[in-house]
Amino acid sequence: LDENKPNKSGFVLDDYRNAITKVCKKYGATVMDGKKLSVNPSDENDKQNIIFDGTHFNDYGHKLIAGLIFEYIK
């Protein structure tokens, strides 16, 4: 997965991040920066240990996300 490669609709991952951030700010919702989670879908180790299909997190990946959320809440 190359997050800088446009999808079929012509958007890259940052386009979606920016849209989510814009809507959250509009409605006063808190936005957490997912980029702080150091997971690289192009890295073979991350694919095997964190991202089971190149896109979606496995159990360990979800633990990493939970840790990021916990730190953000603290």
C-alpha atoms as a PDB file:
ATOM      1  CA  LEU A   1       0.000   0.000   0.000  1.00  0.00           C
ATOM      2  CA  ASP A   2       1.388   3.362  -1.043  1.00  0.00           C
ATOM      3  CA  GLU A   3      -0.532   6.053   0.798  1.00  0.00           C
ATOM      4  CA  ASN A   4       0.633   8.607  -1.784  1.00  0.00           C
ATOM      5  CA  LYS A   5      -0.791   6.637  -4.715  1.00  0.00           C
ATOM      6  CA  PRO A   6      -4.268   7.839  -5.705  1.00  0.00           C
ATOM      7  CA  ASN A   7      -7.116   5.336  -5.404  1.00  0.00           C
ATOM      8  CA  LYS A   8      -9.701   4.703  -8.125  1.00  0.00           C
ATOM      9  CA  SER A   9     -11.433   7.964  -7.187  1.00  0.00           C
ATOM     10  CA  GLY A  10      -8.191   9.930  -7.457  1.00  0.00           C
ATOM     11  CA  PHE A  11      -7.708  10.495  -3.720  1.00  0.00           C
ATOM     12  CA  VAL A  12      -4.713   9.714  -1.521  1.00  0.00           C
ATOM     13  CA  LEU A  13      -4.888   8.829   2.179  1.00  0.00           C
ATOM     14  CA  ASP A  14      -4.128  12.412   3.271  1.00  0.00           C
ATOM     15  CA  ASP A  15      -7.207  13.598   1.343  1.00  0.00           C
ATOM     16  CA  TYR A  16      -9.345  11.417   3.597  1.00  0.00           C
ATOM     17  CA  ARG A  17      -7.461  12.487   6.718  1.00  0.00           C
ATOM     18  CA  ASN A  18      -7.981  16.135   5.819  1.00  0.00           C
ATOM     19  CA  ALA A  19     -11.689  15.639   5.107  1.00  0.00           C
ATOM     20  CA  ILE A  20     -12.225  13.875   8.430  1.00  0.00           C
ATOM     21  CA  THR A  21     -10.330  16.621  10.275  1.00  0.00           C
ATOM     22  CA  LYS A  22     -12.359  19.342   8.545  1.00  0.00           C
ATOM     23  CA  VAL A  23     -15.709  17.754   9.464  1.00  0.00           C
ATOM     24  CA  CYS A  24     -14.600  17.067  13.050  1.00  0.00           C
ATOM     25  CA  LYS A  25     -13.501  20.671  13.505  1.00  0.00           C
ATOM     26  CA  LYS A  26     -16.781  21.901  12.034  1.00  0.00           C
ATOM     27  CA  TYR A  27     -18.773  19.927  14.605  1.00  0.00           C
ATOM     28  CA  GLY A  28     -16.376  20.375  17.521  1.00  0.00           C
ATOM     29  CA  ALA A  29     -15.265  16.749  17.621  1.00  0.00           C
ATOM     30  CA  THR A  30     -11.790  15.829  18.831  1.00  0.00           C
ATOM     31  CA  VAL A  31      -9.357  14.650  16.181  1.00  0.00           C
ATOM     32  CA  MET A  32      -6.503  12.316  16.990  1.00  0.00           C
ATOM     33  CA  ASP A  33      -3.498  12.238  14.650  1.00  0.00           C
ATOM     34  CA  GLY A  34      -3.259   8.666  13.398  1.00  0.00           C
ATOM     35  CA  LYS A  35       0.095   9.440  11.792  1.00  0.00           C
ATOM     36  CA  LYS A  36       1.610   9.186  15.275  1.00  0.00           C
ATOM     37  CA  LEU A  37       1.107   5.436  15.013  1.00  0.00           C
ATOM     38  CA  SER A  38       4.299   4.320  13.297  1.00  0.00           C
ATOM     39  CA  VAL A  39       2.995   1.601  11.012  1.00  0.00           C
ATOM     40  CA  ASN A  40       4.217   1.298   7.433  1.00  0.00           C
ATOM     41  CA  PRO A  41       2.009  -0.869   5.194  1.00  0.00           C
ATOM     42  CA  SER A  42       4.901  -1.136   2.708  1.00  0.00           C
ATOM     43  CA  ASP A  43       7.220  -2.665   5.316  1.00  0.00           C
ATOM     44  CA  GLU A  44       7.203  -6.475   5.252  1.00  0.00           C
ATOM     45  CA  ASN A  45       7.631  -6.752   9.044  1.00  0.00           C
ATOM     46  CA  ASP A  46       4.648  -4.455   9.635  1.00  0.00           C
ATOM     47  CA  LYS A  47       2.596  -6.423   7.113  1.00  0.00           C
ATOM     48  CA  GLN A  48       3.332  -9.685   8.897  1.00  0.00           C
ATOM     49  CA  ASN A  49       3.051  -8.409  12.464  1.00  0.00           C
ATOM     50  CA  ILE A  50       0.481  -5.594  12.389  1.00  0.00           C
ATOM     51  CA  ILE A  51      -1.480  -5.437   9.129  1.00  0.00           C
ATOM     52  CA  PHE A  52      -2.891  -8.802   8.125  1.00  0.00           C
ATOM     53  CA  ASP A  53      -3.971  -7.878   4.586  1.00  0.00           C
ATOM     54  CA  GLY A  54      -1.936  -4.748   3.838  1.00  0.00           C
ATOM     55  CA  THR A  55      -4.761  -2.451   4.967  1.00  0.00           C
ATOM     56  CA  HIS A  56      -6.511  -3.726   8.101  1.00  0.00           C
ATOM     57  CA  PHE A  57      -4.989  -4.169  11.546  1.00  0.00           C
ATOM     58  CA  ASN A  58      -4.732  -7.535  13.263  1.00  0.00           C
ATOM     59  CA  ASP A  59      -5.121  -7.946  17.049  1.00  0.00           C
ATOM     60  CA  TYR A  60      -1.650  -6.554  17.724  1.00  0.00           C
ATOM     61  CA  GLY A  61      -2.365  -3.564  15.467  1.00  0.00           C
ATOM     62  CA  HIS A  62      -5.537  -2.856  17.401  1.00  0.00           C
ATOM     63  CA  LYS A  63      -3.531  -2.932  20.637  1.00  0.00           C
ATOM     64  CA  LEU A  64      -1.218  -0.287  19.171  1.00  0.00           C
ATOM     65  CA  ILE A  65      -4.206   1.875  18.256  1.00  0.00           C
ATOM     66  CA  ALA A  66      -5.685   1.414  21.730  1.00  0.00           C
ATOM     67  CA  GLY A  67      -2.385   2.539  23.249  1.00  0.00           C
ATOM     68  CA  LEU A  68      -2.361   5.648  21.061  1.00  0.00           C
ATOM     69  CA  ILE A  69      -5.934   6.462  22.090  1.00  0.00           C
ATOM     70  CA  PHE A  70      -5.105   5.885  25.748  1.00  0.00           C
ATOM     71  CA  GLU A  71      -2.111   8.239  25.571  1.00  0.00           C
ATOM     72  CA  TYR A  72      -4.214  10.855  23.798  1.00  0.00           C
ATOM     73  CA  ILE A  73      -6.922  10.694  26.476  1.00  0.00           C
ATOM     74  CA  LYS A  74      -4.393  10.983  29.322  1.00  0.00           C
END
